[in-house]
Protein backbone atom coordinates (compact mmCIF):
# COMPACT_ATOMS: atom_id res chain seq x y z
CA MET A 1 -15.04 -1.67 -2.91
CA ASN A 2 -11.52 -2.89 -3.74
CA ILE A 3 -9.09 -2.33 -0.86
CA CYS A 4 -5.42 -3.24 -0.72
CA VAL A 5 -3.04 -3.01 2.24
CA ILE A 6 0.73 -2.50 2.08
CA GLY A 7 2.65 -3.26 5.28
CA ASP A 8 4.61 -5.66 7.35
CA LYS A 9 3.52 -9.14 8.53
CA ASP A 10 1.55 -7.83 11.57
CA MET A 11 -0.33 -5.20 9.68
CA THR A 12 -1.26 -7.37 6.72
CA THR A 13 -2.32 -10.23 8.99
CA GLY A 14 -4.55 -7.90 10.99
CA PHE A 15 -6.29 -6.67 7.81
CA ARG A 16 -6.66 -10.25 6.53
CA LEU A 17 -8.40 -11.13 9.75
CA ALA A 18 -10.68 -8.16 9.19
CA GLY A 19 -11.63 -9.54 5.73
CA VAL A 20 -9.30 -7.62 3.41
CA THR A 21 -8.05 -10.17 0.84
CA ALA A 22 -5.69 -7.96 -1.15
CA VAL A 23 -2.56 -7.44 0.88
CA ALA A 24 1.00 -6.73 -0.09
CA ARG A 25 3.35 -7.91 2.61
CA VAL A 26 6.58 -6.03 2.14
CA ASP A 27 9.36 -7.43 4.30
CA LYS A 28 12.18 -5.49 2.61
CA ILE A 29 10.97 -1.95 3.24
CA ASN A 30 13.14 -0.59 0.43
CA ASP A 31 10.86 -2.50 -2.01
CA THR A 32 7.86 -0.37 -0.96
CA PRO A 33 8.04 2.10 -3.90
CA GLN A 34 8.10 -0.73 -6.45
CA VAL A 35 5.22 -2.57 -4.77
CA LEU A 36 3.15 0.65 -4.60
CA GLU A 37 3.82 1.33 -8.30
CA GLU A 38 2.60 -2.16 -9.22
CA LEU A 39 -0.53 -1.74 -7.14
CA LEU A 40 -1.31 1.63 -8.70
CA GLN A 41 -1.57 -0.13 -12.06
CA LYS A 42 -4.47 -2.20 -10.70
CA GLU A 43 -7.90 -0.90 -9.96
CA TYR A 44 -8.06 -0.42 -6.20
CA ASP A 45 -10.41 2.15 -4.72
CA ILE A 46 -8.29 2.44 -1.53
CA ILE A 47 -4.70 1.56 -0.81
CA ILE A 48 -3.77 1.54 2.82
CA ILE A 49 -0.11 1.81 3.64
CA SER A 50 1.66 1.71 6.96
CA GLU A 51 3.33 4.99 8.04
CA ASN A 52 6.72 3.32 8.10
CA HIS A 53 6.34 1.99 4.56
CA ALA A 54 4.87 5.29 3.35
CA SER A 55 8.03 7.05 4.38
CA TYR A 56 9.90 5.01 1.73
CA ALA A 57 7.40 5.89 -1.00
CA ASP A 58 7.12 9.50 -0.09
CA GLU A 59 7.79 10.82 -3.64
CA GLN A 60 5.10 8.62 -5.16
CA ILE A 61 2.57 9.62 -2.46
CA ARG A 62 3.28 13.34 -3.04
CA LYS A 63 2.60 12.88 -6.79
CA LEU A 64 -0.65 11.10 -6.05
CA ARG A 65 -1.77 13.90 -3.69
CA SER A 66 -1.15 16.47 -6.36
CA LYS A 67 -3.26 14.78 -8.99
CA PRO A 68 -6.82 16.01 -9.44
CA HIS A 69 -9.41 13.53 -8.26
């Protein structure tokens, strides 16, 4: 299963220690929507995003939730 994590240094480091190799460390939180958009073009089964970062990509997340599975 392909998993990717979007978050700050602490979050991405924790997931790396747990064995997740695909992480997107976003230090400038305003860059979160662009990073998420780039990751959506790849084939990840699960994208985990911190609550703080998700608040900056709220519009994109709402669109994803409204898509049929």
